[in-house]
Amino acid sequence: MLPGAAPDWSEPWFAPVAPDGRSVQCHLSAGHALPQALSALPASPVRFVPQSELPAGTAYEQFIFDTGSVPTRENLHDFFNGLCWLRFPLTKQRLNRLQAAEIAAAGVREVRGPVRDALTLFDENAALLQAPEALWDALTARDWPRLFVTLRPLWAQARLVLFGHALLEKLVTPYKSITAHVLREPVPMELGDDLSAWDAWLARGLSAPLLATKPFTPLPVLGVPGWWSQNDDPDYYADAGVFRPRRTSHSMDLP
């Protein structure tokens, strides 16, 4: 098994990756290394290999692009990265191709530049939201009382799916201030709950020019109705240290 706390697969934020997560855990319990356990799943779009196979001086993303193999360490971070490859294969491949194109154009630099920064941010911390327009309006306005209290019944028509593997790792031991970067492109309602369709839609839409604009809006994920029992109390959202208002010219906030 991996070091650290074990994920509670019954939590709503893990629902999209829980079936694969349980399967990988079974392989780990049988004594398999994490790369072997991830590669054992039939839906694996890439080969997972030990981190030691990444040659010194070779960029991680370039190695994946060149070999179709993902260097993987024995930790929760790479465990969730592997699960995201299994759940969103087309999007993960698209992100990798965009990273490789940026490396080919500019090389590996100490400062990655806006596109590679945005690609990394998306890969680590992005979330996708399918929701009625009124919820989107409140979210982008960062009108938290309206989003989570006034419009609370509308969340029954919404679905938030976490994509970032670092975000999922944090939620193994949840705390109130965990914040996702929600892509400011609504998932079409007609896609329903078919995450394979979400994956195809997302992979088609991601591009370097789009990501360079940092098209994200922050969302404290434990504010989502039904995700955390404490948020049943409207006073939960009065914590301005977590539910921060939209940035003004005199304040700092998430991009």
Protein backbone atom coordinates (compact mmCIF):
# COMPACT_ATOMS: atom_id res chain seq x y z
CA MET A 1 0.00 0.00 0.00
CA LEU A 2 1.00 3.61 -0.46
CA PRO A 3 2.23 5.80 2.41
CA GLY A 4 -0.25 8.21 3.98
CA ALA A 5 -3.96 8.13 4.65
CA ALA A 6 -6.14 5.89 2.48
CA PRO A 7 -8.83 7.57 0.34
CA ASP A 8 -12.42 7.15 1.48
CA TRP A 9 -13.99 6.20 -1.84
CA SER A 10 -17.49 6.94 -0.54
CA GLU A 11 -16.78 10.69 -0.54
CA PRO A 12 -18.56 12.48 -3.41
CA TRP A 13 -15.44 14.18 -4.72
CA PHE A 14 -13.83 10.81 -5.45
CA ALA A 15 -16.85 9.36 -7.31
CA PRO A 16 -15.43 9.67 -10.86
CA VAL A 17 -12.19 7.84 -9.99
CA ALA A 18 -13.43 5.55 -7.23
CA PRO A 19 -13.99 2.38 -9.32
CA ASP A 20 -10.47 2.49 -10.75
CA GLY A 21 -9.08 3.57 -7.39
CA ARG A 22 -10.50 0.51 -5.68
CA SER A 23 -9.14 -1.75 -8.42
CA VAL A 24 -5.66 -0.28 -8.18
CA GLN A 25 -5.74 -0.65 -4.40
CA CYS A 26 -6.54 -4.34 -4.80
CA HIS A 27 -3.43 -4.76 -6.95
CA LEU A 28 -1.37 -2.84 -4.41
CA SER A 29 -2.68 -5.06 -1.61
CA ALA A 30 -1.53 -8.07 -3.63
CA GLY A 31 2.00 -6.69 -3.52
CA HIS A 32 2.22 -4.99 -6.91
CA ALA A 33 4.14 -1.74 -7.32
CA LEU A 34 2.05 1.31 -8.25
CA PRO A 35 3.16 1.47 -11.93
CA GLN A 36 2.31 -2.21 -12.34
CA ALA A 37 -1.03 -1.80 -10.56
CA LEU A 38 -2.07 1.14 -12.76
CA SER A 39 -0.94 -0.56 -15.96
CA ALA A 40 -2.97 -3.67 -15.05
CA LEU A 41 -6.26 -1.89 -15.66
CA PRO A 42 -7.56 -2.61 -19.15
CA ALA A 43 -8.50 1.02 -19.86
CA SER A 44 -4.93 2.26 -19.36
CA PRO A 45 -4.09 4.58 -22.29
CA VAL A 46 -0.39 4.71 -21.44
CA ARG A 47 2.20 2.54 -19.74
CA PHE A 48 3.08 3.48 -16.19
CA VAL A 49 6.74 2.94 -15.35
CA PRO A 50 8.92 3.45 -12.26
CA GLN A 51 10.29 6.96 -11.82
CA SER A 52 13.79 5.52 -12.25
CA GLU A 53 13.07 5.05 -15.98
CA LEU A 54 13.01 8.82 -16.51
CA PRO A 55 16.54 9.65 -17.74
CA ALA A 56 18.41 12.40 -15.94
CA GLY A 57 18.03 15.69 -17.79
CA THR A 58 14.89 14.61 -19.68
CA ALA A 59 11.73 16.64 -19.11
CA TYR A 60 8.92 14.58 -17.60
CA GLU A 61 6.31 15.70 -20.15
CA GLN A 62 8.72 15.19 -23.05
CA PHE A 63 9.41 11.63 -21.90
CA ILE A 64 5.68 10.85 -21.82
CA PHE A 65 5.26 12.33 -25.30
CA ASP A 66 8.21 10.40 -26.73
CA THR A 67 7.56 7.04 -25.10
CA GLY A 68 3.90 6.81 -24.13
CA SER A 69 5.11 5.97 -20.62
CA VAL A 70 4.35 7.87 -17.43
CA PRO A 71 7.09 7.90 -14.75
CA THR A 72 5.37 7.05 -11.48
CA ARG A 73 6.50 7.31 -7.87
CA GLU A 74 5.10 5.27 -5.00
CA ASN A 75 3.00 8.05 -3.49
CA LEU A 76 -0.56 9.36 -3.39
CA HIS A 77 0.19 12.22 -5.77
CA ASP A 78 1.18 9.89 -8.59
CA PHE A 79 -1.57 7.44 -7.61
CA PHE A 80 -4.17 10.11 -8.36
CA ASN A 81 -2.31 11.21 -11.47
CA GLY A 82 -2.63 7.65 -12.72
CA LEU A 83 -6.34 7.55 -11.91
CA CYS A 84 -6.85 10.76 -13.89
CA TRP A 85 -5.07 9.19 -16.87
CA LEU A 86 -7.54 6.31 -16.63
CA ARG A 87 -10.62 8.52 -16.21
CA PHE A 88 -9.72 11.31 -18.69
CA PRO A 89 -7.33 9.72 -21.21
CA LEU A 90 -8.06 12.05 -24.12
CA THR A 91 -7.64 15.19 -22.05
CA LYS A 92 -4.45 13.96 -20.38
CA GLN A 93 -3.02 13.16 -23.81
CA ARG A 94 -4.05 16.60 -25.07
CA LEU A 95 -2.35 18.31 -22.12
CA ASN A 96 0.81 16.29 -22.74
CA ARG A 97 0.87 17.22 -26.44
CA LEU A 98 0.46 20.89 -25.57
CA GLN A 99 3.30 20.65 -23.03
CA ALA A 100 5.53 18.93 -25.61
CA ALA A 101 4.74 21.61 -28.20
CA GLU A 102 5.71 24.35 -25.76
CA ILE A 103 8.95 22.53 -24.91
CA ALA A 104 9.72 22.11 -28.61
CA ALA A 105 9.12 25.82 -29.23
CA ALA A 106 10.94 27.27 -26.25
CA GLY A 107 12.93 24.49 -24.60
CA VAL A 108 12.93 23.73 -20.90
CA ARG A 109 13.42 26.99 -19.06
CA GLU A 110 13.58 27.93 -15.40
CA VAL A 111 10.46 30.04 -15.97
CA ARG A 112 7.93 27.95 -17.83
CA GLY A 113 5.90 30.74 -19.39
CA PRO A 114 2.14 31.41 -19.27
CA VAL A 115 1.01 28.41 -21.33
CA ARG A 116 3.03 25.79 -19.48
CA ASP A 117 2.10 27.39 -16.16
CA ALA A 118 -1.59 27.19 -17.09
CA LEU A 119 -1.21 23.61 -18.33
CA THR A 120 0.37 22.62 -15.03
CA LEU A 121 -2.29 24.46 -13.03
CA PHE A 122 -5.02 22.69 -14.99
CA ASP A 123 -3.40 19.29 -14.58
CA GLU A 124 -2.90 19.74 -10.85
CA ASN A 125 -5.95 21.66 -9.67
CA ALA A 126 -8.69 22.00 -12.30
CA ALA A 127 -12.35 21.16 -11.90
CA LEU A 128 -15.21 20.96 -14.39
CA LEU A 129 -18.70 22.22 -13.72
CA GLN A 130 -21.99 21.38 -15.40
CA ALA A 131 -24.66 23.66 -13.96
CA PRO A 132 -27.59 25.97 -14.71
CA GLU A 133 -26.66 29.46 -15.86
CA ALA A 134 -27.73 31.09 -12.58
CA LEU A 135 -25.13 29.07 -10.66
CA TRP A 136 -22.45 30.05 -13.17
CA ASP A 137 -23.34 33.72 -12.82
CA ALA A 138 -23.06 33.53 -9.02
CA LEU A 139 -19.82 31.55 -9.18
CA THR A 140 -18.02 33.92 -11.54
CA ALA A 141 -19.24 36.86 -9.45
CA ARG A 142 -18.00 35.06 -6.33
CA ASP A 143 -21.35 35.79 -4.77
CA TRP A 144 -21.04 32.94 -2.29
CA PRO A 145 -24.30 33.53 -0.36
CA ARG A 146 -26.26 33.48 -3.60
CA LEU A 147 -24.31 30.53 -5.02
CA PHE A 148 -24.57 28.28 -2.00
CA VAL A 149 -27.56 29.54 0.02
CA THR A 150 -30.10 31.36 -2.16
CA LEU A 151 -29.59 29.07 -5.16
CA ARG A 152 -28.90 25.94 -3.13
CA PRO A 153 -31.81 23.93 -4.64
CA LEU A 154 -30.28 24.40 -8.12
CA TRP A 155 -27.27 22.31 -7.14
CA ALA A 156 -29.48 19.25 -7.64
CA GLN A 157 -29.14 20.03 -11.38
CA ALA A 158 -25.37 20.56 -11.23
CA ARG A 159 -22.34 18.30 -11.28
CA LEU A 160 -18.81 19.23 -10.22
CA VAL A 161 -16.04 16.86 -11.32
CA LEU A 162 -12.50 17.27 -10.03
CA PHE A 163 -9.78 16.78 -12.64
CA GLY A 164 -6.61 17.92 -10.88
CA HIS A 165 -4.69 15.10 -9.23
CA ALA A 166 -3.10 17.36 -6.60
CA LEU A 167 -6.59 18.56 -5.73
CA LEU A 168 -7.77 14.98 -5.25
CA GLU A 169 -4.71 14.21 -3.14
CA LYS A 170 -5.51 17.11 -0.80
CA LEU A 171 -9.03 15.79 -0.31
CA VAL A 172 -7.76 12.53 1.17
CA THR A 173 -7.54 14.60 4.38
CA PRO A 174 -10.12 17.35 3.65
CA TYR A 175 -10.02 20.83 5.11
CA LYS A 176 -12.27 23.81 4.53
CA SER A 177 -10.00 26.01 2.41
CA ILE A 178 -9.25 23.49 -0.38
CA THR A 179 -9.98 25.46 -3.54
CA ALA A 180 -10.32 24.23 -7.13
CA HIS A 181 -9.71 26.22 -10.30
CA VAL A 182 -12.95 25.70 -12.23
CA LEU A 183 -12.61 25.95 -16.00
CA ARG A 184 -14.74 28.92 -17.09
CA GLU A 185 -16.29 26.87 -19.86
CA PRO A 186 -19.55 25.22 -18.79
CA VAL A 187 -19.79 21.52 -19.51
CA PRO A 188 -22.77 21.22 -21.88
CA MET A 189 -25.86 20.01 -20.10
CA GLU A 190 -26.64 17.69 -23.02
CA LEU A 191 -23.58 15.58 -22.14
CA GLY A 192 -25.41 14.42 -19.03
CA ASP A 193 -23.27 12.37 -16.66
CA ASP A 194 -21.30 10.58 -19.40
CA LEU A 195 -17.73 11.34 -18.32
CA SER A 196 -16.31 9.79 -21.48
CA ALA A 197 -18.24 12.43 -23.40
CA TRP A 198 -16.92 15.08 -21.00
CA ASP A 199 -13.40 13.86 -21.70
CA ALA A 200 -13.84 14.06 -25.49
CA TRP A 201 -15.46 17.52 -25.25
CA LEU A 202 -12.68 18.84 -23.02
CA ALA A 203 -9.85 17.42 -25.12
CA ARG A 204 -11.31 19.06 -28.24
CA GLY A 205 -11.61 22.44 -26.57
CA LEU A 206 -8.25 22.85 -24.83
CA SER A 207 -5.70 24.94 -26.68
CA ALA A 208 -2.59 26.95 -25.89
CA PRO A 209 -4.26 30.34 -26.61
CA LEU A 210 -7.20 29.47 -24.37
CA LEU A 211 -5.04 28.30 -21.47
CA ALA A 212 -2.73 31.30 -21.74
CA THR A 213 -5.68 33.46 -20.63
CA LYS A 214 -5.92 31.42 -17.38
CA PRO A 215 -9.63 30.71 -17.91
CA PHE A 216 -10.35 29.66 -14.33
CA THR A 217 -12.49 30.80 -11.45
CA PRO A 218 -11.93 29.68 -7.83
CA LEU A 219 -14.34 27.41 -5.97
CA PRO A 220 -13.86 26.19 -2.37
CA VAL A 221 -14.98 22.63 -3.03
CA LEU A 222 -16.22 21.84 0.48
CA GLY A 223 -18.82 24.54 0.00
CA VAL A 224 -20.63 22.36 -2.55
CA PRO A 225 -24.00 21.28 -1.13
CA GLY A 226 -23.96 17.61 -0.18
CA TRP A 227 -20.16 17.44 -0.11
CA TRP A 228 -19.58 18.45 3.53
CA SER A 229 -22.07 18.24 6.36
CA GLN A 230 -20.88 21.48 7.97
CA ASN A 231 -22.05 23.54 5.02
CA ASP A 232 -25.68 22.78 5.87
CA ASP A 233 -25.37 25.82 8.16
CA PRO A 234 -25.48 29.09 6.14
CA ASP A 235 -22.97 30.62 8.57
CA TYR A 236 -20.37 28.22 7.15
CA TYR A 237 -20.05 30.56 4.17
CA ALA A 238 -19.40 33.64 6.31
CA ASP A 239 -15.71 32.73 6.55
CA ALA A 240 -14.17 35.44 4.35
CA GLY A 241 -10.77 33.78 4.62
CA VAL A 242 -12.11 30.93 2.49
CA PHE A 243 -15.07 32.42 0.63
CA ARG A 244 -13.32 35.52 -0.57
CA PRO A 245 -15.06 38.23 -2.59
CA ARG A 246 -14.11 39.07 -6.15
CA ARG A 247 -10.76 40.81 -6.40
CA THR A 248 -10.78 44.60 -6.61
CA SER A 249 -7.96 46.96 -7.56
CA HIS A 250 -7.08 47.12 -3.86
CA SER A 251 -7.11 43.42 -3.04
CA MET A 252 -5.40 40.20 -4.05
CA ASP A 253 -7.13 36.92 -4.83
CA LEU A 254 -6.86 33.80 -6.94
CA PRO A 255 -6.64 34.44 -10.67
